[in-house]
Protein backbone atom coordinates (compact mmCIF):
# COMPACT_ATOMS: atom_id res chain seq x y z
CA UNK A 1 3.34 5.39 -15.06
CA UNK A 2 1.99 1.59 -14.64
CA UNK A 3 -0.46 1.30 -11.62
CA UNK A 4 2.38 -1.41 -9.72
CA UNK A 5 5.33 1.15 -10.17
CA UNK A 6 2.74 3.78 -8.97
CA UNK A 7 1.60 1.64 -5.92
CA UNK A 8 5.32 0.89 -5.25
CA UNK A 9 6.33 4.26 -5.08
CA UNK A 10 3.08 5.28 -2.68
CA UNK A 11 4.52 2.28 -0.84
CA UNK A 12 7.95 3.24 -0.36
CA UNK A 13 6.90 7.06 0.20
CA UNK A 14 4.16 6.83 2.75
CA UNK A 15 6.02 4.15 4.78
CA UNK A 16 9.45 6.38 4.28
CA UNK A 17 11.33 3.38 3.71
CA UNK A 18 14.28 3.16 1.45
CA UNK A 19 14.02 1.12 -2.02
CA UNK A 20 16.71 -1.45 -0.59
CA UNK A 21 14.26 -2.11 2.47
CA UNK A 22 11.23 -2.64 0.02
CA UNK A 23 10.57 -5.93 -1.45
CA UNK A 24 7.14 -7.33 -3.01
CA UNK A 25 6.74 -9.89 -0.43
CA UNK A 26 7.07 -7.08 2.83
CA UNK A 27 4.26 -7.50 5.28
CA UNK A 28 2.67 -5.38 8.06
CA UNK A 29 5.09 -4.56 10.69
CA UNK A 30 7.85 -6.36 8.60
CA UNK A 31 9.74 -2.91 9.07
CA UNK A 32 9.06 -0.13 12.10
CA UNK A 33 7.78 2.11 9.64
CA UNK A 34 5.06 0.00 8.82
CA UNK A 35 2.83 0.46 11.91
CA UNK A 36 -0.50 1.24 12.98
CA UNK A 37 0.12 5.05 12.13
CA UNK A 38 2.14 3.76 8.98
CA UNK A 39 -0.83 1.91 7.81
CA UNK A 40 -3.07 4.39 7.97
CA UNK A 41 -0.79 7.04 5.69
CA UNK A 42 -0.31 4.53 3.43
CA UNK A 43 -3.98 4.00 3.23
CA UNK A 44 -4.61 7.73 2.81
CA UNK A 45 -2.07 8.23 0.28
CA UNK A 46 -3.25 5.18 -1.84
CA UNK A 47 -6.80 6.54 -2.07
CA UNK A 48 -5.46 10.33 -3.23
CA UNK A 49 -2.91 8.49 -5.63
CA UNK A 50 -5.60 6.22 -6.93
CA UNK A 51 -8.53 8.52 -6.61
CA UNK A 52 -10.41 5.87 -4.82
CA UNK A 53 -12.13 5.30 -1.31
CA UNK A 54 -10.90 2.05 0.44
CA UNK A 55 -13.51 0.68 2.42
CA UNK A 56 -12.83 -0.54 5.98
CA UNK A 57 -12.78 -4.17 5.91
CA UNK A 58 -9.87 -3.56 2.87
CA UNK A 59 -8.13 -1.46 5.42
CA UNK A 60 -8.06 -4.31 8.01
CA UNK A 61 -7.29 -6.77 5.49
CA UNK A 62 -4.55 -4.81 3.63
CA UNK A 63 -1.51 -6.69 5.41
CA UNK A 64 1.11 -7.21 2.82
CA UNK A 65 2.35 -5.55 -0.61
CA UNK A 66 0.71 -8.54 -2.43
CA UNK A 67 -2.54 -8.62 -0.68
CA UNK A 68 -2.83 -4.72 -1.30
CA UNK A 69 -2.76 -5.55 -5.46
CA UNK A 70 -5.58 -7.85 -4.69
CA UNK A 71 -7.56 -5.48 -2.59
CA UNK A 72 -6.78 -2.45 -4.96
CA UNK A 73 -8.50 -4.43 -7.98
CA UNK A 74 -11.26 -4.83 -6.20
CA UNK A 75 -11.09 -0.74 -6.91
CA UNK A 76 -10.90 -1.29 -10.64
CA UNK A 77 -7.13 -0.79 -10.72
CA UNK A 78 -5.27 -3.18 -12.66
CA UNK A 79 -1.88 -4.28 -12.30
């Protein structure tokens, strides 16, 4: 499975959204499920899924699906 597909699956599962509600342009608070609690669930699941530890500044900056791709790139995850 590609990193991008894995990322997308973790994103959808962590936030508990349907695939129809997902788009690559999704941003924090675009859907009710991506609130502060959903955000921390997403970060935790990404850390577990990619076996990384995301720094606090990156957690704060993780404001959209696309921004997440940039941030995960810092952790040597290639998309």
